[in-house]
C-alpha atoms as a PDB file:
ATOM      1  CA  MET A   1     -45.338  63.133 -15.974  1.00  0.00           C
ATOM      2  CA  PRO A   2     -45.059  60.154 -13.636  1.00  0.00           C
ATOM      3  CA  MET A   3     -42.178  57.890 -14.185  1.00  0.00           C
ATOM      4  CA  SER A   4     -42.321  54.063 -14.072  1.00  0.00           C
ATOM      5  CA  ASP A   5     -40.072  52.276 -11.776  1.00  0.00           C
ATOM      6  CA  SER A   6     -38.176  50.483 -14.584  1.00  0.00           C
ATOM      7  CA  ALA A   7     -35.353  52.228 -16.401  1.00  0.00           C
ATOM      8  CA  GLY A   8     -36.793  55.678 -16.084  1.00  0.00           C
ATOM      9  CA  ILE A   9     -39.358  55.254 -18.905  1.00  0.00           C
ATOM     10  CA  PRO A  10     -42.540  57.375 -18.596  1.00  0.00           C
ATOM     11  CA  GLU A  11     -45.642  55.242 -17.329  1.00  0.00           C
ATOM     12  CA  THR A  12     -47.652  56.001 -20.354  1.00  0.00           C
ATOM     13  CA  VAL A  13     -44.840  54.703 -22.710  1.00  0.00           C
ATOM     14  CA  ALA A  14     -44.229  51.704 -20.448  1.00  0.00           C
ATOM     15  CA  THR A  15     -48.039  50.892 -20.601  1.00  0.00           C
ATOM     16  CA  TYR A  16     -48.033  51.250 -24.352  1.00  0.00           C
ATOM     17  CA  MET A  17     -44.962  49.134 -24.773  1.00  0.00           C
ATOM     18  CA  ARG A  18     -46.437  46.420 -22.383  1.00  0.00           C
ATOM     19  CA  LEU A  19     -49.805  46.258 -24.264  1.00  0.00           C
ATOM     20  CA  ARG A  20     -47.839  45.954 -27.562  1.00  0.00           C
ATOM     21  CA  GLY A  21     -45.874  42.991 -26.101  1.00  0.00           C
ATOM     22  CA  LEU A  22     -42.730  44.752 -26.321  1.00  0.00           C
ATOM     23  CA  GLU A  23     -41.849  44.620 -22.655  1.00  0.00           C
ATOM     24  CA  PRO A  24     -42.893  41.866 -20.177  1.00  0.00           C
ATOM     25  CA  SER A  25     -45.208  43.007 -17.499  1.00  0.00           C
ATOM     26  CA  ALA A  26     -44.740  42.300 -13.805  1.00  0.00           C
ATOM     27  CA  ALA A  27     -47.743  39.912 -13.851  1.00  0.00           C
ATOM     28  CA  LYS A  28     -45.944  37.730 -16.617  1.00  0.00           C
ATOM     29  CA  LYS A  29     -42.784  37.699 -14.357  1.00  0.00           C
ATOM     30  CA  ARG A  30     -44.922  36.492 -11.423  1.00  0.00           C
ATOM     31  CA  ARG A  31     -46.621  33.850 -13.626  1.00  0.00           C
ATOM     32  CA  LYS A  32     -43.127  32.595 -14.884  1.00  0.00           C
ATOM     33  CA  LYS A  33     -42.119  32.263 -11.200  1.00  0.00           C
ATOM     34  CA  ARG A  34     -45.120  30.145 -10.320  1.00  0.00           C
ATOM     35  CA  ARG A  35     -44.518  27.739 -13.196  1.00  0.00           C
ATOM     36  CA  ASN A  36     -43.504  24.242 -12.224  1.00  0.00           C
ATOM     37  CA  ASP A  37     -40.262  22.943 -13.671  1.00  0.00           C
ATOM     38  CA  ASP A  38     -40.296  19.861 -15.810  1.00  0.00           C
ATOM     39  CA  ASP A  39     -40.128  16.624 -13.834  1.00  0.00           C
ATOM     40  CA  GLU A  40     -37.833  14.938 -16.456  1.00  0.00           C
ATOM     41  CA  ASN A  41     -35.008  17.449 -15.509  1.00  0.00           C
ATOM     42  CA  GLN A  42     -35.394  16.886 -11.831  1.00  0.00           C
ATOM     43  CA  PRO A  43     -33.077  14.370 -10.106  1.00  0.00           C
ATOM     44  CA  PHE A  44     -34.545  11.267  -8.410  1.00  0.00           C
ATOM     45  CA  THR A  45     -37.725  11.251 -10.431  1.00  0.00           C
ATOM     46  CA  ALA A  46     -39.174   8.299 -12.267  1.00  0.00           C
ATOM     47  CA  GLY A  47     -37.523   7.577 -15.475  1.00  0.00           C
ATOM     48  CA  ARG A  48     -34.289   8.966 -14.554  1.00  0.00           C
ATOM     49  CA  ASP A  49     -32.442   5.734 -13.670  1.00  0.00           C
ATOM     50  CA  PRO A  50     -30.072   4.231 -16.179  1.00  0.00           C
ATOM     51  CA  LYS A  51     -31.514   1.333 -18.249  1.00  0.00           C
ATOM     52  CA  GLY A  52     -29.725  -1.860 -19.209  1.00  0.00           C
ATOM     53  CA  MET A  53     -29.115  -2.857 -22.701  1.00  0.00           C
ATOM     54  CA  GLY A  54     -31.878  -5.571 -22.499  1.00  0.00           C
ATOM     55  CA  ASP A  55     -34.478  -3.123 -21.406  1.00  0.00           C
ATOM     56  CA  LEU A  56     -33.603  -0.809 -24.221  1.00  0.00           C
ATOM     57  CA  LEU A  57     -33.910  -3.691 -26.757  1.00  0.00           C
ATOM     58  CA  ALA A  58     -37.204  -4.714 -25.162  1.00  0.00           C
ATOM     59  CA  ASP A  59     -38.524  -1.033 -25.633  1.00  0.00           C
ATOM     60  CA  LEU A  60     -37.372  -0.916 -29.175  1.00  0.00           C
ATOM     61  CA  THR A  61     -38.963  -4.252 -30.154  1.00  0.00           C
ATOM     62  CA  ARG A  62     -42.266  -3.332 -28.378  1.00  0.00           C
ATOM     63  CA  GLN A  63     -42.248   0.163 -30.123  1.00  0.00           C
ATOM     64  CA  SER A  64     -41.435  -1.372 -33.482  1.00  0.00           C
ATOM     65  CA  GLY A  65     -44.062  -3.953 -33.167  1.00  0.00           C
ATOM     66  CA  TRP A  66     -41.744  -6.849 -33.518  1.00  0.00           C
ATOM     67  CA  ASP A  67     -42.964  -8.685 -30.324  1.00  0.00           C
ATOM     68  CA  VAL A  68     -45.307 -11.133 -32.162  1.00  0.00           C
ATOM     69  CA  GLN A  69     -42.847 -12.148 -34.807  1.00  0.00           C
ATOM     70  CA  LEU A  70     -40.033 -12.474 -32.208  1.00  0.00           C
ATOM     71  CA  ALA A  71     -42.309 -14.650 -29.938  1.00  0.00           C
ATOM     72  CA  LYS A  72     -43.087 -16.927 -33.056  1.00  0.00           C
ATOM     73  CA  GLU A  73     -39.370 -17.417 -33.708  1.00  0.00           C
ATOM     74  CA  ASP A  74     -38.701 -18.111 -30.013  1.00  0.00           C
ATOM     75  CA  LEU A  75     -41.394 -20.624 -30.041  1.00  0.00           C
ATOM     76  CA  VAL A  76     -39.765 -22.491 -32.923  1.00  0.00           C
ATOM     77  CA  LEU A  77     -36.295 -22.212 -31.491  1.00  0.00           C
ATOM     78  CA  GLN A  78     -37.370 -23.429 -28.049  1.00  0.00           C
ATOM     79  CA  TRP A  79     -39.692 -26.157 -29.166  1.00  0.00           C
ATOM     80  CA  ALA A  80     -37.456 -28.897 -27.603  1.00  0.00           C
ATOM     81  CA  GLN A  81     -37.878 -27.298 -24.226  1.00  0.00           C
ATOM     82  CA  VAL A  82     -41.668 -26.929 -24.628  1.00  0.00           C
ATOM     83  CA  ALA A  83     -42.431 -30.370 -25.978  1.00  0.00           C
ATOM     84  CA  GLY A  84     -39.603 -32.388 -24.406  1.00  0.00           C
ATOM     85  CA  GLU A  85     -36.369 -33.565 -26.165  1.00  0.00           C
ATOM     86  CA  GLU A  86     -37.788 -37.009 -27.230  1.00  0.00           C
ATOM     87  CA  THR A  87     -40.961 -35.456 -28.727  1.00  0.00           C
ATOM     88  CA  ALA A  88     -38.792 -32.681 -30.535  1.00  0.00           C
ATOM     89  CA  ARG A  89     -36.851 -35.431 -32.175  1.00  0.00           C
ATOM     90  CA  HIS A  90     -39.979 -36.682 -33.887  1.00  0.00           C
ATOM     91  CA  ALA A  91     -42.113 -33.639 -34.197  1.00  0.00           C
ATOM     92  CA  ASP A  92     -41.237 -30.074 -35.771  1.00  0.00           C
ATOM     93  CA  PRO A  93     -43.404 -27.063 -35.980  1.00  0.00           C
ATOM     94  CA  VAL A  94     -43.879 -26.112 -39.689  1.00  0.00           C
ATOM     95  CA  ALA A  95     -46.501 -23.396 -39.643  1.00  0.00           C
ATOM     96  CA  LEU A  96     -48.512 -20.801 -37.561  1.00  0.00           C
ATOM     97  CA  SER A  97     -51.262 -19.052 -39.010  1.00  0.00           C
ATOM     98  CA  ASP A  98     -54.589 -17.665 -37.512  1.00  0.00           C
ATOM     99  CA  GLY A  99     -53.618 -19.008 -34.005  1.00  0.00           C
ATOM    100  CA  VAL A 100     -53.131 -22.685 -35.142  1.00  0.00           C
ATOM    101  CA  LEU A 101     -49.742 -24.128 -34.759  1.00  0.00           C
ATOM    102  CA  THR A 102     -49.095 -26.897 -37.196  1.00  0.00           C
ATOM    103  CA  VAL A 103     -46.685 -29.593 -36.138  1.00  0.00           C
ATOM    104  CA  GLN A 104     -45.494 -32.255 -38.570  1.00  0.00           C
ATOM    105  CA  CYS A 105     -44.649 -35.671 -36.957  1.00  0.00           C
ATOM    106  CA  ASP A 106     -42.435 -38.507 -38.196  1.00  0.00           C
ATOM    107  CA  SER A 107     -45.305 -40.985 -38.211  1.00  0.00           C
ATOM    108  CA  THR A 108     -49.060 -41.060 -37.689  1.00  0.00           C
ATOM    109  CA  ALA A 109     -48.542 -42.836 -34.297  1.00  0.00           C
ATOM    110  CA  TRP A 110     -46.540 -39.731 -32.936  1.00  0.00           C
ATOM    111  CA  ALA A 111     -49.160 -37.562 -34.404  1.00  0.00           C
ATOM    112  CA  LYS A 112     -51.979 -39.442 -32.432  1.00  0.00           C
ATOM    113  CA  ASN A 113     -50.151 -39.588 -29.210  1.00  0.00           C
ATOM    114  CA  LEU A 114     -49.293 -35.717 -29.504  1.00  0.00           C
ATOM    115  CA  HIS A 115     -52.933 -35.044 -30.241  1.00  0.00           C
ATOM    116  CA  LEU A 116     -53.855 -36.766 -27.035  1.00  0.00           C
ATOM    117  CA  MET A 117     -51.278 -34.435 -25.282  1.00  0.00           C
ATOM    118  CA  ARG A 118     -52.622 -31.275 -27.041  1.00  0.00           C
ATOM    119  CA  ALA A 119     -54.044 -29.596 -24.002  1.00  0.00           C
ATOM    120  CA  THR A 120     -50.854 -29.807 -22.021  1.00  0.00           C
ATOM    121  CA  ILE A 121     -48.698 -28.622 -24.955  1.00  0.00           C
ATOM    122  CA  VAL A 122     -51.125 -25.637 -25.781  1.00  0.00           C
ATOM    123  CA  THR A 123     -51.175 -24.504 -22.056  1.00  0.00           C
ATOM    124  CA  GLU A 124     -47.291 -24.495 -22.057  1.00  0.00           C
ATOM    125  CA  LEU A 125     -47.213 -22.626 -25.298  1.00  0.00           C
ATOM    126  CA  ILE A 126     -49.560 -19.911 -24.019  1.00  0.00           C
ATOM    127  CA  ARG A 127     -47.737 -19.675 -20.867  1.00  0.00           C
ATOM    128  CA  ARG A 128     -44.280 -19.288 -22.333  1.00  0.00           C
ATOM    129  CA  PHE A 129     -45.161 -17.356 -25.387  1.00  0.00           C
ATOM    130  CA  PRO A 130     -48.233 -15.261 -24.849  1.00  0.00           C
ATOM    131  CA  GLU A 131     -47.333 -12.781 -27.713  1.00  0.00           C
ATOM    132  CA  ALA A 132     -47.277 -15.630 -30.378  1.00  0.00           C
ATOM    133  CA  GLY A 133     -51.026 -15.992 -30.319  1.00  0.00           C
ATOM    134  CA  VAL A 134     -51.179 -19.781 -30.411  1.00  0.00           C
ATOM    135  CA  GLU A 135     -54.663 -20.936 -29.733  1.00  0.00           C
ATOM    136  CA  SER A 136     -54.472 -24.623 -30.806  1.00  0.00           C
ATOM    137  CA  VAL A 137     -52.177 -27.034 -32.167  1.00  0.00           C
ATOM    138  CA  ARG A 138     -52.782 -29.509 -35.142  1.00  0.00           C
ATOM    139  CA  PHE A 139     -50.582 -32.405 -35.562  1.00  0.00           C
ATOM    140  CA  VAL A 140     -50.194 -33.955 -39.019  1.00  0.00           C
ATOM    141  CA  GLY A 141     -48.443 -37.177 -40.136  1.00  0.00           C
ATOM    142  CA  PRO A 142     -45.427 -37.407 -42.522  1.00  0.00           C
ATOM    143  CA  ASP A 143     -45.688 -36.112 -46.084  1.00  0.00           C
ATOM    144  CA  VAL A 144     -46.470 -39.035 -48.403  1.00  0.00           C
ATOM    145  CA  PRO A 145     -46.789 -38.810 -52.107  1.00  0.00           C
ATOM    146  CA  SER A 146     -50.226 -38.071 -53.415  1.00  0.00           C
ATOM    147  CA  TRP A 147     -51.860 -39.832 -56.388  1.00  0.00           C
ATOM    148  CA  LYS A 148     -54.064 -36.743 -57.033  1.00  0.00           C
ATOM    149  CA  TRP A 149     -51.370 -34.630 -58.696  1.00  0.00           C
ATOM    150  CA  GLY A 150     -49.295 -34.939 -61.873  1.00  0.00           C
ATOM    151  CA  PRO A 151     -49.887 -35.199 -65.533  1.00  0.00           C
ATOM    152  CA  ARG A 152     -51.996 -38.379 -65.390  1.00  0.00           C
ATOM    153  CA  ALA A 153     -54.286 -37.469 -62.473  1.00  0.00           C
ATOM    154  CA  VAL A 154     -57.937 -37.822 -63.282  1.00  0.00           C
ATOM    155  CA  PRO A 155     -60.561 -35.836 -61.495  1.00  0.00           C
ATOM    156  CA  GLY A 156     -62.931 -37.686 -59.205  1.00  0.00           C
ATOM    157  CA  ARG A 157     -62.459 -40.982 -57.404  1.00  0.00           C
ATOM    158  CA  GLY A 158     -60.429 -42.588 -60.077  1.00  0.00           C
ATOM    159  CA  PRO A 159     -60.506 -46.396 -60.686  1.00  0.00           C
ATOM    160  CA  ARG A 160     -62.329 -47.049 -57.368  1.00  0.00           C
ATOM    161  CA  ASP A 161     -65.597 -45.835 -58.693  1.00  0.00           C
ATOM    162  CA  THR A 162     -65.953 -49.004 -60.882  1.00  0.00           C
ATOM    163  CA  TYR A 163     -66.580 -51.091 -57.754  1.00  0.00           C
ATOM    164  CA  GLY A 164     -69.866 -49.790 -56.690  1.00  0.00           C
END
């Protein structure tokens, strides 16, 4: 009976064991030798350099989906640098929804002047905070009391409708 070259086992038994998967064949050994190693374990490959804490936090915020909300918060916090110190004293961002930033001004005159500068402000906001999603800016005047609310409000035009 011919003997196999590994451990003195008869060739028929070695073939049986190899077919049953009990003993690795020489072909499998060759395939293992040809297999490439993982690149992540090799030195001097991409992604092996140490990262700074800022890069790690940026990756974390991007993976968690916080980029948009953080960009909106940065927009509010840095409004003075975007609009200017004098403008920031008289106008504050109050809402951002559906791509429209609402800015409340101290007076209607400031609202009108900023409305004329809207293109410049929107361009600067898009340049500095692209993730915030600002498409346009709406400037509103100060909050004034309304006569349309309260226990004695009447639907319709009120006393003015008697004049015409």
